[in-house]
């Protein structure tokens, strides 16, 4: 399922079998899968736990998961279940102590999702503004030890209008050099978008969703663009 600009009233379902879809992308050359429990992000519960487990069990490549992770036990559960990275979102804003503890306890396996609307981090399935700026959030989580940080401009997510390269460049400049992987997400429409992102200094990855499912991006061509970048 995919949302348009984070709107739960504008969702698109691309397949009824998540495990089969995950295996499909692995067979086409994907080296990592980014999975988001959209229902979990909204409710704070692991609404699609069975589907996530089926994905992890179906593939041999690393799987990273976000959405609805609100406590240390859930982080521990997913890491023991085979998830490689767990992304914190809402709880990273509402409970700084827990976020820091997660990063330190599960070093190298806890990441943060900087999902932004109008320059501020959005929480609870992107339906509420936290009041915390993207750069303040990013600096705090990276200082806490997050192994990766994804940046999403919600206004572009699912739109196929192109990623927020300018916003990503500003964020990279503001946070400075880091050992964490910095990832861009949202809006990717073409292989040219990916090629342009691959040339951004300090960018460690880009998440592609709707463009793959709708065929505007070929995965093999996208991987080649990254290698050439």
Protein backbone atom coordinates (compact mmCIF):
# COMPACT_ATOMS: atom_id res chain seq x y z
CA UNK A 1 0.00 0.00 0.00
CA UNK A 2 1.18 3.54 -0.79
CA UNK A 3 -0.09 6.90 0.41
CA UNK A 4 -0.19 10.20 -1.48
CA UNK A 5 1.43 13.00 0.55
CA UNK A 6 0.78 10.97 3.70
CA UNK A 7 -3.00 11.07 3.18
CA UNK A 8 -4.70 7.87 4.43
CA UNK A 9 -7.75 8.71 2.31
CA UNK A 10 -5.61 8.49 -0.83
CA UNK A 11 -4.00 5.09 -0.64
CA UNK A 12 -3.11 2.68 -3.43
CA UNK A 13 -2.73 -1.08 -2.97
CA UNK A 14 -0.15 -2.64 -5.29
CA UNK A 15 -0.30 -6.24 -4.15
CA UNK A 16 -2.08 -8.56 -1.75
CA UNK A 17 0.96 -10.72 -0.96
CA UNK A 18 3.75 -8.68 0.68
CA UNK A 19 6.16 -11.63 0.88
CA UNK A 20 5.81 -12.40 -2.83
CA UNK A 21 6.36 -8.74 -3.68
CA UNK A 22 9.46 -8.59 -1.48
CA UNK A 23 10.87 -11.70 -3.15
CA UNK A 24 10.11 -10.16 -6.54
CA UNK A 25 12.29 -7.13 -5.78
CA UNK A 26 15.07 -9.29 -4.40
CA UNK A 27 15.07 -11.39 -7.57
CA UNK A 28 15.35 -8.21 -9.64
CA UNK A 29 18.49 -7.19 -7.77
CA UNK A 30 17.39 -5.22 -4.72
CA UNK A 31 20.05 -5.31 -2.00
CA UNK A 32 17.88 -3.92 0.82
CA UNK A 33 14.14 -3.53 1.45
CA UNK A 34 12.53 -0.61 3.26
CA UNK A 35 9.22 -1.60 4.84
CA UNK A 36 6.76 0.76 6.55
CA UNK A 37 3.76 -0.39 8.57
CA UNK A 38 1.48 2.52 7.64
CA UNK A 39 -1.34 1.33 9.89
CA UNK A 40 1.13 0.92 12.74
CA UNK A 41 2.51 4.40 12.23
CA UNK A 42 -0.97 5.79 12.67
CA UNK A 43 -2.11 3.62 15.59
CA UNK A 44 1.12 2.98 17.47
CA UNK A 45 0.53 -0.78 17.30
CA UNK A 46 2.15 -3.44 15.16
CA UNK A 47 -0.87 -3.69 12.90
CA UNK A 48 0.82 -5.69 10.15
CA UNK A 49 3.22 -7.83 12.16
CA UNK A 50 2.31 -11.05 10.33
CA UNK A 51 2.96 -9.44 6.94
CA UNK A 52 6.31 -8.07 8.10
CA UNK A 53 7.37 -11.47 9.43
CA UNK A 54 6.43 -13.06 6.10
CA UNK A 55 8.61 -10.55 4.26
CA UNK A 56 11.61 -11.14 6.53
CA UNK A 57 11.24 -14.90 6.16
CA UNK A 58 10.88 -14.72 2.36
CA UNK A 59 14.06 -12.83 1.52
CA UNK A 60 17.76 -13.10 2.28
CA UNK A 61 18.59 -9.41 1.86
CA UNK A 62 18.48 -6.93 4.78
CA UNK A 63 15.05 -5.57 5.70
CA UNK A 64 14.57 -2.27 7.51
CA UNK A 65 11.27 -1.49 9.20
CA UNK A 66 9.45 1.58 10.44
CA UNK A 67 5.95 2.39 11.61
CA UNK A 68 4.36 1.97 15.03
CA UNK A 69 7.56 1.22 16.95
CA UNK A 70 6.95 2.82 20.33
CA UNK A 71 9.03 0.89 22.92
CA UNK A 72 12.27 -1.02 23.45
CA UNK A 73 10.54 -4.41 23.56
CA UNK A 74 9.20 -3.89 20.04
CA UNK A 75 12.65 -2.89 18.80
CA UNK A 76 14.14 -6.00 20.41
CA UNK A 77 11.40 -8.21 18.98
CA UNK A 78 11.93 -7.11 15.40
CA UNK A 79 15.70 -7.35 15.58
CA UNK A 80 15.42 -10.89 16.99
CA UNK A 81 12.92 -11.69 14.22
CA UNK A 82 15.50 -10.86 11.56
CA UNK A 83 14.89 -7.19 10.79
CA UNK A 84 18.25 -5.50 10.20
CA UNK A 85 17.27 -1.91 11.10
CA UNK A 86 14.34 -0.53 13.04
CA UNK A 87 13.33 3.05 12.27
CA UNK A 88 11.98 5.26 15.04
CA UNK A 89 9.56 8.04 14.19
CA UNK A 90 6.91 9.30 16.61
CA UNK A 91 8.60 7.90 19.72
CA UNK A 92 11.85 9.64 18.78
CA UNK A 93 9.94 12.92 19.25
CA UNK A 94 7.74 12.04 22.21
CA UNK A 95 10.30 10.12 24.31
CA UNK A 96 13.87 11.35 23.92
CA UNK A 97 15.13 9.06 26.68
CA UNK A 98 13.72 5.95 25.04
CA UNK A 99 15.11 6.92 21.64
CA UNK A 100 18.58 7.44 23.11
CA UNK A 101 18.36 4.14 24.99
CA UNK A 102 17.32 2.27 21.83
CA UNK A 103 20.22 3.69 19.82
CA UNK A 104 22.71 2.79 22.55
CA UNK A 105 21.31 -0.63 23.43
CA UNK A 106 20.96 -1.79 19.83
CA UNK A 107 23.93 0.02 18.32
CA UNK A 108 24.07 -0.11 14.54
CA UNK A 109 20.50 -1.32 14.19
CA UNK A 110 18.32 1.66 15.19
CA UNK A 111 17.63 4.44 12.69
CA UNK A 112 15.38 7.51 12.61
CA UNK A 113 12.81 8.78 10.14
CA UNK A 114 12.87 12.56 9.67
CA UNK A 115 9.45 12.91 8.04
CA UNK A 116 8.83 16.60 7.46
CA UNK A 117 5.93 18.87 6.62
CA UNK A 118 6.72 22.59 6.26
CA UNK A 119 10.13 22.08 7.84
CA UNK A 120 8.86 20.36 11.00
CA UNK A 121 8.81 16.68 11.93
CA UNK A 122 5.36 15.08 11.58
CA UNK A 123 4.28 12.27 13.91
CA UNK A 124 1.56 9.65 14.41
CA UNK A 125 1.34 8.56 10.81
CA UNK A 126 2.26 12.05 9.57
CA UNK A 127 -1.06 13.42 10.82
CA UNK A 128 0.32 15.75 13.51
CA UNK A 129 3.15 18.28 13.65
CA UNK A 130 5.67 17.88 16.47
CA UNK A 131 6.95 21.46 16.43
CA UNK A 132 10.54 20.16 16.20
CA UNK A 133 12.53 21.24 13.16
CA UNK A 134 14.04 18.67 10.84
CA UNK A 135 17.60 19.76 11.56
CA UNK A 136 17.12 19.72 15.35
CA UNK A 137 15.59 16.25 15.12
CA UNK A 138 18.39 14.99 12.89
CA UNK A 139 21.17 16.37 15.06
CA UNK A 140 19.62 14.94 18.21
CA UNK A 141 19.11 11.43 16.85
CA UNK A 142 22.52 11.30 15.24
CA UNK A 143 24.09 12.44 18.50
CA UNK A 144 22.14 9.68 20.26
CA UNK A 145 23.77 7.14 17.93
CA UNK A 146 21.21 6.42 15.20
CA UNK A 147 22.91 4.34 12.50
CA UNK A 148 20.86 5.92 9.69
CA UNK A 149 18.52 8.82 9.06
CA UNK A 150 15.91 9.01 6.33
CA UNK A 151 14.58 12.39 5.22
CA UNK A 152 11.13 12.63 3.62
CA UNK A 153 9.40 15.79 2.43
CA UNK A 154 5.80 14.63 2.96
CA UNK A 155 4.48 17.09 0.37
CA UNK A 156 6.33 15.10 -2.30
CA UNK A 157 5.85 11.57 -0.98
CA UNK A 158 3.98 9.37 -3.45
CA UNK A 159 3.59 12.21 -5.96
CA UNK A 160 6.19 11.21 -8.59
CA UNK A 161 7.15 14.90 -8.77
CA UNK A 162 10.81 14.33 -7.94
CA UNK A 163 12.63 14.13 -4.60
CA UNK A 164 13.49 17.12 -2.42
CA UNK A 165 17.14 17.35 -3.40
CA UNK A 166 17.46 20.96 -2.24
CA UNK A 167 16.03 20.15 1.17
CA UNK A 168 18.35 17.15 1.43
CA UNK A 169 21.39 19.22 0.51
CA UNK A 170 20.52 21.83 3.14
CA UNK A 171 20.08 19.16 5.78
CA UNK A 172 23.41 17.54 4.93
CA UNK A 173 25.13 20.90 5.16
CA UNK A 174 23.50 21.64 8.52
CA UNK A 175 24.30 18.31 10.20
CA UNK A 176 27.82 18.10 8.79
CA UNK A 177 29.90 14.93 8.34
CA UNK A 178 28.50 11.81 9.99
CA UNK A 179 29.18 8.08 9.96
CA UNK A 180 25.45 7.38 9.82
CA UNK A 181 23.84 6.61 6.47
CA UNK A 182 21.74 9.56 5.31
CA UNK A 183 18.86 8.50 3.06
CA UNK A 184 16.49 10.50 0.86
CA UNK A 185 12.88 9.40 0.42
CA UNK A 186 9.77 10.62 -1.37
CA UNK A 187 8.88 11.82 -4.84
CA UNK A 188 11.24 9.74 -6.98
CA UNK A 189 9.77 9.40 -10.48
CA UNK A 190 12.59 8.55 -12.88
CA UNK A 191 16.06 7.07 -13.07
CA UNK A 192 17.28 10.64 -13.67
CA UNK A 193 16.02 11.52 -10.18
CA UNK A 194 18.13 8.71 -8.78
CA UNK A 195 21.18 9.67 -10.83
CA UNK A 196 20.90 13.26 -9.56
CA UNK A 197 20.59 12.07 -5.96
CA UNK A 198 23.63 9.81 -6.34
CA UNK A 199 25.72 12.90 -7.07
CA UNK A 200 24.78 14.67 -3.82
CA UNK A 201 27.84 14.68 -1.52
CA UNK A 202 27.19 12.86 1.72
CA UNK A 203 23.98 11.14 0.60
CA UNK A 204 24.09 7.45 1.44
CA UNK A 205 20.95 6.15 -0.24
CA UNK A 206 17.55 6.84 -1.76
CA UNK A 207 14.26 5.03 -1.14
CA UNK A 208 12.09 4.34 -4.19
CA UNK A 209 8.49 3.21 -3.82
CA UNK A 210 5.64 4.15 -6.12
CA UNK A 211 7.90 4.65 -9.15
CA UNK A 212 8.95 0.99 -9.01
CA UNK A 213 5.40 -0.28 -8.63
CA UNK A 214 4.08 1.87 -11.47
CA UNK A 215 7.00 1.13 -13.77
CA UNK A 216 8.41 4.63 -14.20
CA UNK A 217 11.69 3.37 -12.72
CA UNK A 218 13.39 0.13 -13.73
CA UNK A 219 15.25 -1.35 -10.74
CA UNK A 220 18.26 -2.56 -12.74
CA UNK A 221 18.64 0.87 -14.37
CA UNK A 222 18.30 2.52 -10.97
CA UNK A 223 21.05 0.37 -9.48
CA UNK A 224 23.30 1.15 -12.43
CA UNK A 225 22.67 4.87 -11.98
CA UNK A 226 23.74 4.64 -8.35
CA UNK A 227 26.91 2.77 -9.25
CA UNK A 228 27.79 5.31 -11.91
CA UNK A 229 27.03 8.22 -9.59
